Amino acid sequence: MTNSNRLLMGIIGGAHGIKGEVRITPYTQDPEAIASYGALETDRAGLTITITNLRVQKTVVVARLKGVADRNAAELLNGVSLFVDRSRLPDTEDEDDFYHADLLGLEARLEDGTVIGTVTAIPNFNAGDLIEIRNTQSGDTYLYPFTKAVVPAIHIEQGFLTIVAPTETEWGEEEEPN
């Protein structure tokens, strides 16, 4: 992605059926919202995608795209990333609202101010958001639950967030879950 004002909204997966529908993994809070932005930019030169119809199916949306009428055309779009220019997104309403893209590149600090790395991603493997921190010294990456308890403070304007690393499991160090 060369334009830093573009935000990733979803990725087209495989074809769905024989009439040109595709599966899209949306990265919007409301999965159906991906269709509300009109023409979406892509990571393929000269290609824009317009979603004309969609329905939610499990963890993806199944979408009909303008100009895609058969399975062969749909299969050619597998892996295409969908972007929207940031200027087309609504402003956040308060200081606790932000876009995940706003966090990328922020310093991750412990409560005492020690820098432990940089935010490199906010993955979600269908069990809640995680925050990925890359240690700037070693290059190792660490995943933390992206919760208020683990990430209690986010200071976008100052360029950092605070991490409180979990130290033990919810059932204790010596006790095993049932």
N, C-alpha and C. Protein backbone atom coordinates (compact mmCIF):
# COMPACT_ATOMS: atom_id res chain seq x y z
N MET A 1 0.85 -1.17 0.00
CA MET A 1 0.00 0.00 0.00
C MET A 1 0.89 1.24 0.00
N THR A 2 0.82 2.04 -1.03
CA THR A 2 1.70 3.20 -1.13
C THR A 2 1.07 4.46 -0.59
N ASN A 3 -0.23 4.57 -0.55
CA ASN A 3 -0.90 5.76 -0.08
C ASN A 3 -1.29 5.57 1.38
N SER A 4 -0.66 6.34 2.30
CA SER A 4 -0.93 6.17 3.72
C SER A 4 -2.30 6.68 4.12
N ASN A 5 -3.00 7.36 3.23
CA ASN A 5 -4.36 7.81 3.53
C ASN A 5 -5.40 6.76 3.18
N ARG A 6 -4.97 5.63 2.64
CA ARG A 6 -5.91 4.55 2.32
C ARG A 6 -5.97 3.58 3.48
N LEU A 7 -7.18 3.20 3.85
CA LEU A 7 -7.36 2.23 4.93
C LEU A 7 -7.91 0.94 4.36
N LEU A 8 -7.36 -0.17 4.81
CA LEU A 8 -7.80 -1.48 4.36
C LEU A 8 -9.18 -1.77 4.94
N MET A 9 -10.15 -2.02 4.07
CA MET A 9 -11.53 -2.29 4.50
C MET A 9 -11.89 -3.76 4.41
N GLY A 10 -11.17 -4.52 3.60
CA GLY A 10 -11.46 -5.95 3.46
C GLY A 10 -10.60 -6.58 2.39
N ILE A 11 -10.70 -7.91 2.31
CA ILE A 11 -9.96 -8.66 1.30
C ILE A 11 -10.92 -9.65 0.65
N ILE A 12 -10.90 -9.67 -0.67
CA ILE A 12 -11.73 -10.61 -1.41
C ILE A 12 -11.11 -11.99 -1.32
N GLY A 13 -11.95 -12.97 -0.97
CA GLY A 13 -11.51 -14.36 -0.93
C GLY A 13 -11.95 -15.05 -2.21
N GLY A 14 -12.30 -16.28 -2.10
CA GLY A 14 -12.67 -17.06 -3.27
C GLY A 14 -14.05 -16.72 -3.81
N ALA A 15 -14.33 -17.28 -4.97
CA ALA A 15 -15.64 -17.15 -5.60
C ALA A 15 -16.67 -17.92 -4.77
N HIS A 16 -17.92 -17.49 -4.85
CA HIS A 16 -19.01 -18.15 -4.13
C HIS A 16 -20.10 -18.47 -5.14
N GLY A 17 -20.25 -19.72 -5.47
CA GLY A 17 -21.25 -20.10 -6.45
C GLY A 17 -20.78 -19.87 -7.87
N ILE A 18 -21.75 -19.93 -8.81
CA ILE A 18 -21.39 -19.83 -10.24
C ILE A 18 -21.83 -18.51 -10.88
N LYS A 19 -22.48 -17.63 -10.11
CA LYS A 19 -23.02 -16.40 -10.70
C LYS A 19 -22.18 -15.16 -10.43
N GLY A 20 -20.91 -15.35 -10.04
CA GLY A 20 -20.01 -14.22 -9.90
C GLY A 20 -19.91 -13.62 -8.52
N GLU A 21 -20.53 -14.22 -7.52
CA GLU A 21 -20.41 -13.68 -6.17
C GLU A 21 -19.03 -14.04 -5.60
N VAL A 22 -18.57 -13.22 -4.65
CA VAL A 22 -17.29 -13.44 -3.98
C VAL A 22 -17.48 -13.37 -2.48
N ARG A 23 -16.58 -14.03 -1.76
CA ARG A 23 -16.54 -13.90 -0.31
C ARG A 23 -15.54 -12.80 0.02
N ILE A 24 -15.93 -11.91 0.93
CA ILE A 24 -15.06 -10.83 1.35
C ILE A 24 -14.91 -10.90 2.87
N THR A 25 -13.68 -10.85 3.34
CA THR A 25 -13.44 -10.71 4.77
C THR A 25 -13.41 -9.22 5.06
N PRO A 26 -14.44 -8.69 5.74
CA PRO A 26 -14.48 -7.26 6.00
C PRO A 26 -13.70 -6.90 7.26
N TYR A 27 -13.11 -5.73 7.27
CA TYR A 27 -12.42 -5.22 8.45
C TYR A 27 -13.15 -4.00 9.02
N THR A 28 -14.43 -3.94 8.77
CA THR A 28 -15.27 -2.88 9.30
C THR A 28 -15.96 -3.39 10.56
N GLN A 29 -16.29 -2.49 11.48
CA GLN A 29 -16.94 -2.92 12.71
C GLN A 29 -18.26 -3.62 12.40
N ASP A 30 -19.05 -3.05 11.51
CA ASP A 30 -20.26 -3.68 11.02
C ASP A 30 -19.92 -4.29 9.66
N PRO A 31 -19.98 -5.61 9.52
CA PRO A 31 -19.57 -6.24 8.26
C PRO A 31 -20.27 -5.68 7.02
N GLU A 32 -21.54 -5.31 7.14
CA GLU A 32 -22.28 -4.80 5.99
C GLU A 32 -21.86 -3.39 5.59
N ALA A 33 -21.17 -2.69 6.46
CA ALA A 33 -20.76 -1.31 6.19
C ALA A 33 -19.78 -1.21 5.03
N ILE A 34 -19.10 -2.29 4.72
CA ILE A 34 -18.12 -2.24 3.62
C ILE A 34 -18.77 -1.82 2.31
N ALA A 35 -20.05 -2.09 2.15
CA ALA A 35 -20.75 -1.72 0.91
C ALA A 35 -21.18 -0.26 0.89
N SER A 36 -21.10 0.41 2.01
CA SER A 36 -21.62 1.78 2.10
C SER A 36 -20.65 2.85 1.60
N TYR A 37 -19.43 2.48 1.23
CA TYR A 37 -18.42 3.45 0.82
C TYR A 37 -18.35 3.67 -0.68
N GLY A 38 -19.22 3.02 -1.44
CA GLY A 38 -19.19 3.18 -2.89
C GLY A 38 -18.01 2.46 -3.49
N ALA A 39 -17.43 3.03 -4.53
CA ALA A 39 -16.30 2.39 -5.22
C ALA A 39 -15.10 2.31 -4.28
N LEU A 40 -14.55 1.11 -4.20
CA LEU A 40 -13.39 0.87 -3.34
C LEU A 40 -12.14 0.74 -4.19
N GLU A 41 -11.06 1.37 -3.74
CA GLU A 41 -9.77 1.23 -4.41
C GLU A 41 -9.24 -0.17 -4.11
N THR A 42 -8.32 -0.63 -4.93
CA THR A 42 -7.73 -1.95 -4.72
C THR A 42 -6.21 -1.86 -4.80
N ASP A 43 -5.58 -3.00 -4.56
CA ASP A 43 -4.13 -3.07 -4.69
C ASP A 43 -3.71 -3.48 -6.10
N ARG A 44 -4.63 -3.46 -7.02
CA ARG A 44 -4.33 -3.72 -8.44
C ARG A 44 -4.52 -2.43 -9.23
N ALA A 45 -3.52 -2.04 -9.95
CA ALA A 45 -3.54 -0.78 -10.69
C ALA A 45 -4.76 -0.68 -11.60
N GLY A 46 -5.48 0.42 -11.47
CA GLY A 46 -6.62 0.70 -12.34
C GLY A 46 -7.90 -0.03 -11.98
N LEU A 47 -7.89 -0.89 -10.98
CA LEU A 47 -9.08 -1.66 -10.62
C LEU A 47 -9.78 -1.04 -9.41
N THR A 48 -11.05 -0.71 -9.59
CA THR A 48 -11.91 -0.32 -8.47
C THR A 48 -13.05 -1.32 -8.39
N ILE A 49 -13.56 -1.51 -7.21
CA ILE A 49 -14.62 -2.49 -6.96
C ILE A 49 -15.81 -1.77 -6.35
N THR A 50 -17.00 -2.04 -6.89
CA THR A 50 -18.24 -1.54 -6.31
C THR A 50 -19.10 -2.72 -5.93
N ILE A 51 -19.49 -2.77 -4.66
CA ILE A 51 -20.35 -3.84 -4.16
C ILE A 51 -21.79 -3.42 -4.42
N THR A 52 -22.52 -4.26 -5.17
CA THR A 52 -23.90 -3.92 -5.49
C THR A 52 -24.91 -4.60 -4.58
N ASN A 53 -24.49 -5.70 -3.96
CA ASN A 53 -25.39 -6.43 -3.07
C ASN A 53 -24.53 -7.30 -2.17
N LEU A 54 -24.95 -7.51 -0.93
CA LEU A 54 -24.20 -8.41 -0.06
C LEU A 54 -25.08 -8.97 1.03
N ARG A 55 -24.59 -10.07 1.60
CA ARG A 55 -25.25 -10.67 2.76
C ARG A 55 -24.15 -11.24 3.66
N VAL A 56 -24.41 -11.21 4.95
CA VAL A 56 -23.44 -11.74 5.91
C VAL A 56 -23.60 -13.25 5.98
N GLN A 57 -22.49 -13.96 5.95
CA GLN A 57 -22.50 -15.41 6.07
C GLN A 57 -21.32 -15.81 6.95
N LYS A 58 -21.64 -16.17 8.19
CA LYS A 58 -20.63 -16.53 9.20
C LYS A 58 -19.64 -15.39 9.38
N THR A 59 -18.37 -15.60 9.06
CA THR A 59 -17.35 -14.58 9.32
C THR A 59 -17.00 -13.74 8.10
N VAL A 60 -17.73 -13.91 7.01
CA VAL A 60 -17.48 -13.15 5.79
C VAL A 60 -18.79 -12.55 5.28
N VAL A 61 -18.67 -11.72 4.25
CA VAL A 61 -19.85 -11.29 3.52
C VAL A 61 -19.76 -11.90 2.13
N VAL A 62 -20.88 -12.30 1.61
CA VAL A 62 -20.95 -12.78 0.23
C VAL A 62 -21.49 -11.62 -0.58
N ALA A 63 -20.74 -11.20 -1.59
CA ALA A 63 -21.07 -9.97 -2.31
C ALA A 63 -21.16 -10.19 -3.81
N ARG A 64 -22.05 -9.42 -4.41
CA ARG A 64 -22.14 -9.31 -5.85
C ARG A 64 -21.45 -7.99 -6.20
N LEU A 65 -20.56 -8.04 -7.19
CA LEU A 65 -19.77 -6.87 -7.58
C LEU A 65 -20.18 -6.39 -8.95
N LYS A 66 -20.15 -5.08 -9.12
CA LYS A 66 -20.47 -4.48 -10.41
C LYS A 66 -19.50 -5.00 -11.47
N GLY A 67 -20.05 -5.52 -12.57
CA GLY A 67 -19.24 -5.99 -13.68
C GLY A 67 -18.73 -7.41 -13.56
N VAL A 68 -19.06 -8.11 -12.48
CA VAL A 68 -18.61 -9.49 -12.29
C VAL A 68 -19.85 -10.38 -12.38
N ALA A 69 -19.93 -11.18 -13.46
CA ALA A 69 -21.16 -11.92 -13.73
C ALA A 69 -21.01 -13.44 -13.70
N ASP A 70 -19.77 -13.94 -13.58
CA ASP A 70 -19.62 -15.39 -13.56
C ASP A 70 -18.48 -15.80 -12.64
N ARG A 71 -18.40 -17.07 -12.37
CA ARG A 71 -17.40 -17.61 -11.44
C ARG A 71 -15.98 -17.33 -11.90
N ASN A 72 -15.73 -17.43 -13.21
CA ASN A 72 -14.37 -17.20 -13.71
C ASN A 72 -13.90 -15.79 -13.39
N ALA A 73 -14.76 -14.81 -13.60
CA ALA A 73 -14.40 -13.41 -13.29
C ALA A 73 -14.21 -13.23 -11.79
N ALA A 74 -15.04 -13.88 -11.00
CA ALA A 74 -14.93 -13.79 -9.54
C ALA A 74 -13.62 -14.40 -9.05
N GLU A 75 -13.22 -15.53 -9.62
CA GLU A 75 -11.99 -16.19 -9.20
C GLU A 75 -10.76 -15.33 -9.46
N LEU A 76 -10.79 -14.49 -10.47
CA LEU A 76 -9.66 -13.62 -10.78
C LEU A 76 -9.43 -12.56 -9.71
N LEU A 77 -10.43 -12.33 -8.86
CA LEU A 77 -10.33 -11.30 -7.82
C LEU A 77 -9.84 -11.84 -6.47
N ASN A 78 -9.60 -13.13 -6.40
CA ASN A 78 -9.16 -13.74 -5.15
C ASN A 78 -7.89 -13.06 -4.63
N GLY A 79 -7.92 -12.60 -3.39
CA GLY A 79 -6.76 -11.96 -2.77
C GLY A 79 -6.67 -10.46 -2.96
N VAL A 80 -7.62 -9.85 -3.68
CA VAL A 80 -7.58 -8.41 -3.90
C VAL A 80 -7.95 -7.68 -2.61
N SER A 81 -7.12 -6.73 -2.20
CA SER A 81 -7.38 -5.91 -1.02
C SER A 81 -8.22 -4.71 -1.40
N LEU A 82 -9.17 -4.36 -0.54
CA LEU A 82 -10.10 -3.26 -0.78
C LEU A 82 -9.81 -2.11 0.18
N PHE A 83 -9.67 -0.90 -0.37
CA PHE A 83 -9.29 0.26 0.42
C PHE A 83 -10.30 1.39 0.22
N VAL A 84 -10.33 2.28 1.21
CA VAL A 84 -11.09 3.52 1.08
C VAL A 84 -10.16 4.64 1.55
N ASP A 85 -10.27 5.79 0.91
CA ASP A 85 -9.48 6.94 1.34
C ASP A 85 -10.00 7.41 2.69
N ARG A 86 -9.09 7.70 3.58
CA ARG A 86 -9.45 8.10 4.94
C ARG A 86 -10.43 9.28 4.98
N SER A 87 -10.34 10.17 4.01
CA SER A 87 -11.21 11.35 4.00
C SER A 87 -12.69 10.98 3.84
N ARG A 88 -12.97 9.75 3.38
CA ARG A 88 -14.35 9.31 3.20
C ARG A 88 -14.94 8.68 4.47
N LEU A 89 -14.12 8.51 5.49
CA LEU A 89 -14.59 7.92 6.74
C LEU A 89 -15.05 9.02 7.69
N PRO A 90 -16.03 8.72 8.53
CA PRO A 90 -16.47 9.72 9.50
C PRO A 90 -15.40 9.97 10.55
N ASP A 91 -15.38 11.19 11.11
CA ASP A 91 -14.46 11.49 12.20
C ASP A 91 -14.87 10.68 13.42
N THR A 92 -13.90 10.36 14.26
CA THR A 92 -14.23 9.66 15.50
C THR A 92 -14.93 10.63 16.44
N GLU A 93 -15.81 10.08 17.27
CA GLU A 93 -16.67 10.94 18.09
C GLU A 93 -16.05 11.38 19.40
N ASP A 94 -15.21 10.57 20.01
CA ASP A 94 -14.56 11.00 21.25
C ASP A 94 -13.15 10.42 21.32
N GLU A 95 -12.44 10.76 22.38
CA GLU A 95 -11.03 10.37 22.48
C GLU A 95 -10.81 8.87 22.60
N ASP A 96 -11.82 8.12 23.02
CA ASP A 96 -11.68 6.67 23.11
C ASP A 96 -12.02 5.97 21.81
N ASP A 97 -12.42 6.71 20.78
CA ASP A 97 -12.70 6.13 19.47
C ASP A 97 -11.51 6.38 18.55
N PHE A 98 -11.19 5.37 17.76
CA PHE A 98 -10.07 5.49 16.82
C PHE A 98 -10.22 4.40 15.79
N TYR A 99 -9.51 4.54 14.71
CA TYR A 99 -9.42 3.48 13.72
C TYR A 99 -8.17 2.66 14.03
N HIS A 100 -8.25 1.36 13.80
CA HIS A 100 -7.09 0.50 14.07
C HIS A 100 -5.85 1.03 13.35
N ALA A 101 -6.02 1.57 12.16
CA ALA A 101 -4.88 2.09 11.40
C ALA A 101 -4.16 3.21 12.16
N ASP A 102 -4.88 3.91 13.04
CA ASP A 102 -4.26 4.98 13.83
C ASP A 102 -3.22 4.44 14.81
N LEU A 103 -3.33 3.17 15.16
CA LEU A 103 -2.44 2.58 16.15
C LEU A 103 -1.13 2.07 15.55
N LEU A 104 -1.17 1.75 14.26
CA LEU A 104 0.02 1.20 13.61
C LEU A 104 1.18 2.19 13.67
N GLY A 105 2.31 1.72 14.15
CA GLY A 105 3.49 2.57 14.26
C GLY A 105 3.64 3.25 15.62
N LEU A 106 2.62 3.18 16.47
CA LEU A 106 2.75 3.78 17.80
C LEU A 106 3.76 2.99 18.63
N GLU A 107 4.47 3.69 19.51
CA GLU A 107 5.35 3.03 20.46
C GLU A 107 4.48 2.31 21.48
N ALA A 108 4.91 1.13 21.90
CA ALA A 108 4.26 0.41 22.99
C ALA A 108 5.15 0.55 24.21
N ARG A 109 4.57 1.07 25.30
CA ARG A 109 5.34 1.29 26.52
C ARG A 109 4.70 0.55 27.68
N LEU A 110 5.53 0.13 28.62
CA LEU A 110 5.02 -0.41 29.87
C LEU A 110 4.56 0.75 30.74
N GLU A 111 3.91 0.45 31.85
CA GLU A 111 3.40 1.51 32.73
C GLU A 111 4.50 2.42 33.26
N ASP A 112 5.73 1.89 33.39
CA ASP A 112 6.83 2.71 33.90
C ASP A 112 7.50 3.55 32.80
N GLY A 113 6.98 3.45 31.57
CA GLY A 113 7.51 4.23 30.46
C GLY A 113 8.53 3.51 29.60
N THR A 114 8.93 2.30 29.99
CA THR A 114 9.89 1.53 29.20
C THR A 114 9.29 1.17 27.85
N VAL A 115 10.00 1.50 26.78
CA VAL A 115 9.54 1.19 25.43
C VAL A 115 9.81 -0.28 25.15
N ILE A 116 8.77 -1.02 24.78
CA ILE A 116 8.95 -2.45 24.50
C ILE A 116 8.84 -2.77 23.02
N GLY A 117 8.45 -1.79 22.22
CA GLY A 117 8.37 -2.04 20.78
C GLY A 117 7.41 -1.10 20.08
N THR A 118 6.94 -1.54 18.92
CA THR A 118 6.07 -0.76 18.05
C THR A 118 4.87 -1.60 17.65
N VAL A 119 3.71 -0.98 17.56
CA VAL A 119 2.51 -1.67 17.11
C VAL A 119 2.63 -1.93 15.62
N THR A 120 2.50 -3.21 15.23
CA THR A 120 2.64 -3.56 13.83
C THR A 120 1.35 -4.09 13.21
N ALA A 121 0.40 -4.54 14.03
CA ALA A 121 -0.85 -5.08 13.48
C ALA A 121 -1.89 -5.21 14.58
N ILE A 122 -3.14 -5.31 14.16
CA ILE A 122 -4.26 -5.59 15.06
C ILE A 122 -5.02 -6.78 14.45
N PRO A 123 -4.46 -7.99 14.61
CA PRO A 123 -5.13 -9.16 14.03
C PRO A 123 -6.35 -9.59 14.84
N ASN A 124 -7.23 -10.32 14.19
CA ASN A 124 -8.38 -10.91 14.86
C ASN A 124 -8.57 -12.27 14.24
N PHE A 125 -8.41 -13.30 15.04
CA PHE A 125 -8.56 -14.67 14.56
C PHE A 125 -9.89 -15.24 15.03
N ASN A 126 -10.92 -14.39 15.03
CA ASN A 126 -12.28 -14.74 15.41
C ASN A 126 -12.45 -15.04 16.89
N ALA A 127 -11.55 -14.55 17.71
CA ALA A 127 -11.69 -14.70 19.16
C ALA A 127 -11.45 -13.37 19.85
N GLY A 128 -11.57 -12.29 19.12
CA GLY A 128 -11.33 -10.96 19.66
C GLY A 128 -10.06 -10.36 19.10
N ASP A 129 -9.98 -9.04 19.15
CA ASP A 129 -8.81 -8.34 18.62
C ASP A 129 -7.59 -8.61 19.49
N LEU A 130 -6.45 -8.69 18.83
CA LEU A 130 -5.15 -8.78 19.47
C LEU A 130 -4.35 -7.57 19.03
N ILE A 131 -3.32 -7.24 19.78
CA ILE A 131 -2.42 -6.19 19.34
C ILE A 131 -1.03 -6.80 19.23
N GLU A 132 -0.41 -6.60 18.07
CA GLU A 132 0.91 -7.18 17.80
C GLU A 132 1.97 -6.11 18.01
N ILE A 133 2.93 -6.44 18.87
CA ILE A 133 4.02 -5.53 19.17
C ILE A 133 5.32 -6.15 18.71
N ARG A 134 6.08 -5.41 17.91
CA ARG A 134 7.40 -5.88 17.46
C ARG A 134 8.46 -5.19 18.32
N ASN A 135 9.26 -6.00 19.00
CA ASN A 135 10.34 -5.49 19.83
C ASN A 135 11.38 -4.85 18.91
N THR A 136 11.68 -3.59 19.15
CA THR A 136 12.60 -2.86 18.27
C THR A 136 14.03 -3.33 18.41
N GLN A 137 14.39 -3.95 19.53
CA GLN A 137 15.76 -4.44 19.73
C GLN A 137 15.97 -5.80 19.06
N SER A 138 15.10 -6.76 19.39
CA SER A 138 15.30 -8.14 18.94
C SER A 138 14.58 -8.48 17.63
N GLY A 139 13.54 -7.72 17.33
CA GLY A 139 12.73 -8.03 16.15
C GLY A 139 11.64 -9.05 16.43
N ASP A 140 11.60 -9.60 17.64
CA ASP A 140 10.55 -10.55 18.01
C ASP A 140 9.20 -9.85 18.07
N THR A 141 8.14 -10.60 17.79
CA THR A 141 6.80 -10.04 17.90
C THR A 141 6.05 -10.74 19.01
N TYR A 142 5.17 -9.98 19.65
CA TYR A 142 4.36 -10.48 20.76
C TYR A 142 2.92 -10.07 20.52
N LEU A 143 2.01 -10.98 20.85
CA LEU A 143 0.58 -10.70 20.73
C LEU A 143 -0.01 -10.56 22.12
N TYR A 144 -0.81 -9.52 22.30
CA TYR A 144 -1.50 -9.28 23.55
C TYR A 144 -2.98 -9.13 23.25
N PRO A 145 -3.84 -9.51 24.20
CA PRO A 145 -5.27 -9.24 24.00
C PRO A 145 -5.48 -7.73 23.92
N PHE A 146 -6.27 -7.29 22.97
CA PHE A 146 -6.52 -5.86 22.82
C PHE A 146 -7.76 -5.52 23.65
N THR A 147 -7.52 -5.43 24.95
CA THR A 147 -8.58 -5.11 25.91
C THR A 147 -8.17 -3.88 26.71
N LYS A 148 -9.13 -3.28 27.39
CA LYS A 148 -8.85 -2.11 28.22
C LYS A 148 -7.89 -2.47 29.37
N ALA A 149 -7.97 -3.71 29.86
CA ALA A 149 -7.08 -4.13 30.95
C ALA A 149 -5.63 -4.22 30.50
N VAL A 150 -5.40 -4.69 29.28
CA VAL A 150 -4.03 -4.87 28.78
C VAL A 150 -3.52 -3.60 28.10
N VAL A 151 -4.42 -2.87 27.44
CA VAL A 151 -4.05 -1.60 26.78
C VAL A 151 -4.91 -0.49 27.41
N PRO A 152 -4.52 -0.05 28.61
CA PRO A 152 -5.38 0.90 29.33
C PRO A 152 -5.32 2.34 28.82
N ALA A 153 -4.27 2.70 28.11
CA ALA A 153 -4.13 4.09 27.66
C ALA A 153 -3.58 4.12 26.24
N ILE A 154 -4.28 4.91 25.40
CA ILE A 154 -3.84 5.10 24.02
C ILE A 154 -3.71 6.60 23.80
N HIS A 155 -2.51 7.03 23.43
CA HIS A 155 -2.21 8.44 23.21
C HIS A 155 -1.75 8.62 21.77
N ILE A 156 -2.70 8.70 20.87
CA ILE A 156 -2.36 8.78 19.44
C ILE A 156 -1.56 10.04 19.13
N GLU A 157 -2.00 11.16 19.66
CA GLU A 157 -1.31 12.43 19.38
C GLU A 157 0.13 12.43 19.89
N GLN A 158 0.37 11.76 21.02
CA GLN A 158 1.72 11.70 21.58
C GLN A 158 2.53 10.54 21.01
N GLY A 159 1.88 9.63 20.26
CA GLY A 159 2.60 8.58 19.56
C GLY A 159 2.89 7.32 20.36
N PHE A 160 2.10 7.04 21.41
CA PHE A 160 2.35 5.82 22.17
C PHE A 160 1.08 5.29 22.80
N LEU A 161 1.17 4.02 23.22
CA LEU A 161 0.12 3.41 24.02
C LEU A 161 0.79 2.63 25.14
N THR A 162 0.00 2.33 26.17
CA THR A 162 0.52 1.63 27.34
C THR A 162 0.06 0.18 27.32
N ILE A 163 1.00 -0.72 27.59
CA ILE A 163 0.71 -2.15 27.68
C ILE A 163 0.91 -2.60 29.13
N VAL A 164 -0.08 -3.29 29.67
CA VAL A 164 0.05 -3.96 30.96
C VAL A 164 0.00 -5.45 30.64
N ALA A 165 1.18 -6.06 30.59
CA ALA A 165 1.27 -7.46 30.17
C ALA A 165 0.62 -8.37 31.21
N PRO A 166 -0.25 -9.28 30.76
CA PRO A 166 -0.83 -10.24 31.70
C PRO A 166 0.28 -11.11 32.29
N THR A 167 0.18 -11.43 33.58
CA THR A 167 1.25 -12.19 34.23
C THR A 167 0.86 -13.62 34.54
N GLU A 168 -0.43 -13.91 34.68
CA GLU A 168 -0.83 -15.29 34.94
C GLU A 168 -2.21 -15.53 34.36
N THR A 169 -2.58 -16.77 34.26
CA THR A 169 -3.87 -17.14 33.69
C THR A 169 -4.99 -16.83 34.67
N GLU A 170 -6.20 -16.84 34.19
CA GLU A 170 -7.35 -16.52 35.04
C GLU A 170 -7.56 -17.56 36.13
N TRP A 171 -7.01 -18.80 35.96
CA TRP A 171 -7.21 -19.83 36.96
C TRP A 171 -6.00 -19.99 37.89
N GLY A 172 -5.03 -19.10 37.76
CA GLY A 172 -3.88 -19.14 38.65
C GLY A 172 -2.74 -19.94 38.07
N GLU A 173 -1.57 -19.79 38.65
CA GLU A 173 -0.37 -20.44 38.12
C GLU A 173 -0.37 -21.94 38.32
N GLU A 174 -0.85 -22.41 39.46
CA GLU A 174 -0.76 -23.83 39.74
C GLU A 174 -2.07 -24.57 39.51
N GLU A 175 -3.13 -23.85 39.38
CA GLU A 175 -4.43 -24.47 39.23
C GLU A 175 -4.76 -24.67 37.76
N GLU A 176 -5.26 -25.81 37.39
CA GLU A 176 -5.63 -26.11 36.01
C GLU A 176 -7.12 -25.89 35.83
N PRO A 177 -7.55 -25.50 34.62
CA PRO A 177 -8.99 -25.33 34.37
C PRO A 177 -9.69 -26.69 34.36
N ASN A 178 -10.98 -26.66 34.62
CA ASN A 178 -11.77 -27.91 34.62
C ASN A 178 -11.99 -28.40 33.21
